[in-house]
Amino acid sequence: DDDGSSPDIRYGGPNDDEKLWKPPRLWRDIYDAICNARHLVYIVGWSVDVEQYLLRGAELEEAKRAGKHSPRIGDLLIQKSEEGVVVNLMQWDDYTSNFVFPGMMGSHDEKSRAFFASTK
């Protein structure tokens, strides 16, 4: 990540330092894929927290300044649906959760349900 939290991992060559491994940027990659979606976003997950930021550090601050797409997943999914992209979210329904008790599994299902209640 651009925030310097990933260590430099070198490998290959006679001294095992010829190449530099760059870890995948999972959350940034997800953010970019959703931002660039033109037809469909389909998310299946055990737990989807609509308040989760997909970016951090300088990338988060830049996204907030630029303002085109929200770095928060819930807001971003709503933005994409408003652009005409079909957005489907299939999340685990924790039967032990309700609007008072978050449930045993921590899936944020009630929070997601309430957040998207006014959407199609």
C-alpha atoms as a PDB file:
ATOM      1  CA  ASP A   1       0.000   0.000   0.000  1.00  0.00           C
ATOM      2  CA  ASP A   2       1.078   3.543  -0.493  1.00  0.00           C
ATOM      3  CA  ASP A   3       1.055   4.181   3.257  1.00  0.00           C
ATOM      4  CA  GLY A   4       4.288   2.222   3.737  1.00  0.00           C
ATOM      5  CA  SER A   5       2.715  -0.507   5.850  1.00  0.00           C
ATOM      6  CA  SER A   6       3.799  -3.311   3.518  1.00  0.00           C
ATOM      7  CA  PRO A   7       7.364  -4.533   3.966  1.00  0.00           C
ATOM      8  CA  ASP A   8       9.768  -4.768   1.056  1.00  0.00           C
ATOM      9  CA  ILE A   9      10.058  -8.448   0.189  1.00  0.00           C
ATOM     10  CA  ARG A  10      12.872  -9.279  -2.182  1.00  0.00           C
ATOM     11  CA  TYR A  11      13.392 -12.610  -3.898  1.00  0.00           C
ATOM     12  CA  GLY A  12      15.103 -14.280  -6.840  1.00  0.00           C
ATOM     13  CA  GLY A  13      18.648 -14.180  -8.123  1.00  0.00           C
ATOM     14  CA  PRO A  14      21.826 -15.456  -6.480  1.00  0.00           C
ATOM     15  CA  ASN A  15      21.422 -13.208  -3.411  1.00  0.00           C
ATOM     16  CA  ASP A  16      17.634 -13.581  -3.239  1.00  0.00           C
ATOM     17  CA  ASP A  17      17.184  -9.849  -3.835  1.00  0.00           C
ATOM     18  CA  GLU A  18      16.745  -9.479  -7.596  1.00  0.00           C
ATOM     19  CA  LYS A  19      12.992  -8.879  -7.615  1.00  0.00           C
ATOM     20  CA  LEU A  20      10.665  -6.904  -5.373  1.00  0.00           C
ATOM     21  CA  TRP A  21       7.336  -8.510  -4.499  1.00  0.00           C
ATOM     22  CA  LYS A  22       4.408  -6.095  -4.363  1.00  0.00           C
ATOM     23  CA  PRO A  23       1.457  -7.427  -2.381  1.00  0.00           C
ATOM     24  CA  PRO A  24      -1.977  -7.149  -3.970  1.00  0.00           C
ATOM     25  CA  ARG A  25      -3.895  -4.085  -2.941  1.00  0.00           C
ATOM     26  CA  LEU A  26      -7.165  -5.860  -2.140  1.00  0.00           C
ATOM     27  CA  TRP A  27      -9.295  -2.947  -0.905  1.00  0.00           C
ATOM     28  CA  ARG A  28      -7.939  -0.514  -3.497  1.00  0.00           C
ATOM     29  CA  ASP A  29      -8.538  -3.105  -6.223  1.00  0.00           C
ATOM     30  CA  ILE A  30     -12.129  -3.608  -5.027  1.00  0.00           C
ATOM     31  CA  TYR A  31     -12.653   0.172  -4.921  1.00  0.00           C
ATOM     32  CA  ASP A  32     -11.293   0.606  -8.455  1.00  0.00           C
ATOM     33  CA  ALA A  33     -13.385  -2.290  -9.789  1.00  0.00           C
ATOM     34  CA  ILE A  34     -16.596  -0.853  -8.319  1.00  0.00           C
ATOM     35  CA  CYS A  35     -15.773   2.690  -9.498  1.00  0.00           C
ATOM     36  CA  ASN A  36     -15.127   1.420 -13.029  1.00  0.00           C
ATOM     37  CA  ALA A  37     -18.187  -0.860 -13.199  1.00  0.00           C
ATOM     38  CA  ARG A  38     -20.534   0.072 -16.028  1.00  0.00           C
ATOM     39  CA  HIS A  39     -23.123  -2.711 -15.929  1.00  0.00           C
ATOM     40  CA  LEU A  40     -23.090  -4.841 -12.774  1.00  0.00           C
ATOM     41  CA  VAL A  41     -21.642  -4.974  -9.259  1.00  0.00           C
ATOM     42  CA  TYR A  42     -22.364  -8.254  -7.465  1.00  0.00           C
ATOM     43  CA  ILE A  43     -21.109  -8.669  -3.918  1.00  0.00           C
ATOM     44  CA  VAL A  44     -21.490 -11.852  -1.909  1.00  0.00           C
ATOM     45  CA  GLY A  45     -20.147 -11.818   1.605  1.00  0.00           C
ATOM     46  CA  TRP A  46     -20.509 -13.075   5.112  1.00  0.00           C
ATOM     47  CA  SER A  47     -20.124  -9.590   6.516  1.00  0.00           C
ATOM     48  CA  VAL A  48     -20.471  -6.320   4.661  1.00  0.00           C
ATOM     49  CA  ASP A  49     -20.152  -3.212   6.805  1.00  0.00           C
ATOM     50  CA  VAL A  50     -21.610  -0.308   4.823  1.00  0.00           C
ATOM     51  CA  GLU A  51     -19.461   2.135   6.813  1.00  0.00           C
ATOM     52  CA  GLN A  52     -16.181   0.392   5.872  1.00  0.00           C
ATOM     53  CA  TYR A  53     -13.671   2.545   3.995  1.00  0.00           C
ATOM     54  CA  LEU A  54     -12.060   0.788   1.044  1.00  0.00           C
ATOM     55  CA  LEU A  55      -9.091   3.164   1.032  1.00  0.00           C
ATOM     56  CA  ARG A  56      -6.703   4.437   3.657  1.00  0.00           C
ATOM     57  CA  GLY A  57      -3.898   6.901   4.098  1.00  0.00           C
ATOM     58  CA  ALA A  58      -3.195   9.322   1.260  1.00  0.00           C
ATOM     59  CA  GLU A  59      -5.562   7.446  -1.077  1.00  0.00           C
ATOM     60  CA  LEU A  60      -8.450   7.964   1.333  1.00  0.00           C
ATOM     61  CA  GLU A  61      -7.734  11.667   1.684  1.00  0.00           C
ATOM     62  CA  GLU A  62      -7.451  12.063  -2.097  1.00  0.00           C
ATOM     63  CA  ALA A  63     -10.765  10.271  -2.682  1.00  0.00           C
ATOM     64  CA  LYS A  64     -12.456  12.500  -0.112  1.00  0.00           C
ATOM     65  CA  ARG A  65     -11.021  15.615  -1.813  1.00  0.00           C
ATOM     66  CA  ALA A  66     -11.842  14.490  -5.351  1.00  0.00           C
ATOM     67  CA  GLY A  67     -15.383  13.637  -4.364  1.00  0.00           C
ATOM     68  CA  LYS A  68     -16.360  11.680  -7.482  1.00  0.00           C
ATOM     69  CA  HIS A  69     -16.789   8.303  -5.767  1.00  0.00           C
ATOM     70  CA  SER A  70     -17.147   7.748  -2.054  1.00  0.00           C
ATOM     71  CA  PRO A  71     -14.444   5.633  -0.406  1.00  0.00           C
ATOM     72  CA  ARG A  72     -17.125   4.101   1.888  1.00  0.00           C
ATOM     73  CA  ILE A  73     -18.559   0.927   0.409  1.00  0.00           C
ATOM     74  CA  GLY A  74     -22.209   1.623   1.244  1.00  0.00           C
ATOM     75  CA  ASP A  75     -22.185   5.114  -0.256  1.00  0.00           C
ATOM     76  CA  LEU A  76     -20.176   3.899  -3.246  1.00  0.00           C
ATOM     77  CA  LEU A  77     -22.710   1.165  -4.025  1.00  0.00           C
ATOM     78  CA  ILE A  78     -25.550   3.683  -3.891  1.00  0.00           C
ATOM     79  CA  GLN A  79     -23.613   6.051  -6.169  1.00  0.00           C
ATOM     80  CA  LYS A  80     -23.076   3.293  -8.711  1.00  0.00           C
ATOM     81  CA  SER A  81     -26.762   2.343  -8.669  1.00  0.00           C
ATOM     82  CA  GLU A  82     -27.641   6.001  -9.257  1.00  0.00           C
ATOM     83  CA  GLU A  83     -25.336   5.892 -12.308  1.00  0.00           C
ATOM     84  CA  GLY A  84     -27.499   3.061 -13.682  1.00  0.00           C
ATOM     85  CA  VAL A  85     -25.259   0.179 -12.668  1.00  0.00           C
ATOM     86  CA  VAL A  86     -27.134  -2.867 -11.354  1.00  0.00           C
ATOM     87  CA  VAL A  87     -25.910  -3.449  -7.800  1.00  0.00           C
ATOM     88  CA  ASN A  88     -26.660  -6.711  -5.996  1.00  0.00           C
ATOM     89  CA  LEU A  89     -25.545  -7.424  -2.450  1.00  0.00           C
ATOM     90  CA  MET A  90     -26.079 -10.897  -1.044  1.00  0.00           C
ATOM     91  CA  GLN A  91     -25.131 -10.927   2.616  1.00  0.00           C
ATOM     92  CA  TRP A  92     -25.457 -13.558   5.317  1.00  0.00           C
ATOM     93  CA  ASP A  93     -28.684 -13.169   7.303  1.00  0.00           C
ATOM     94  CA  ASP A  94     -27.769 -13.742  10.933  1.00  0.00           C
ATOM     95  CA  TYR A  95     -30.960 -15.023  12.575  1.00  0.00           C
ATOM     96  CA  THR A  96     -29.672 -13.942  15.995  1.00  0.00           C
ATOM     97  CA  SER A  97     -29.452 -10.283  14.982  1.00  0.00           C
ATOM     98  CA  ASN A  98     -32.092  -7.586  15.103  1.00  0.00           C
ATOM     99  CA  PHE A  99     -32.121  -3.802  15.317  1.00  0.00           C
ATOM    100  CA  VAL A 100     -31.324  -3.915  19.034  1.00  0.00           C
ATOM    101  CA  PHE A 101     -28.847  -6.819  19.211  1.00  0.00           C
ATOM    102  CA  PRO A 102     -26.100  -7.053  16.553  1.00  0.00           C
ATOM    103  CA  GLY A 103     -26.171 -10.853  16.579  1.00  0.00           C
ATOM    104  CA  MET A 104     -23.664 -13.551  17.331  1.00  0.00           C
ATOM    105  CA  MET A 105     -21.886 -13.535  13.967  1.00  0.00           C
ATOM    106  CA  GLY A 106     -21.068  -9.829  13.514  1.00  0.00           C
ATOM    107  CA  SER A 107     -22.279  -9.814   9.923  1.00  0.00           C
ATOM    108  CA  HIS A 108     -23.675  -6.245  10.029  1.00  0.00           C
ATOM    109  CA  ASP A 109     -26.748  -7.560   8.234  1.00  0.00           C
ATOM    110  CA  GLU A 110     -29.248  -5.347  10.073  1.00  0.00           C
ATOM    111  CA  LYS A 111     -27.096  -2.262   9.515  1.00  0.00           C
ATOM    112  CA  SER A 112     -26.868  -3.064   5.781  1.00  0.00           C
ATOM    113  CA  ARG A 113     -30.598  -3.760   5.573  1.00  0.00           C
ATOM    114  CA  ALA A 114     -31.417  -0.397   7.191  1.00  0.00           C
ATOM    115  CA  PHE A 115     -28.827   1.463   5.084  1.00  0.00           C
ATOM    116  CA  PHE A 116     -30.211   0.152   1.780  1.00  0.00           C
ATOM    117  CA  ALA A 117     -33.895   0.135   2.835  1.00  0.00           C
ATOM    118  CA  SER A 118     -34.826   3.097   0.641  1.00  0.00           C
ATOM    119  CA  THR A 119     -33.038   1.776  -2.465  1.00  0.00           C
ATOM    120  CA  LYS A 120     -34.417  -0.442  -5.212  1.00  0.00           C
END
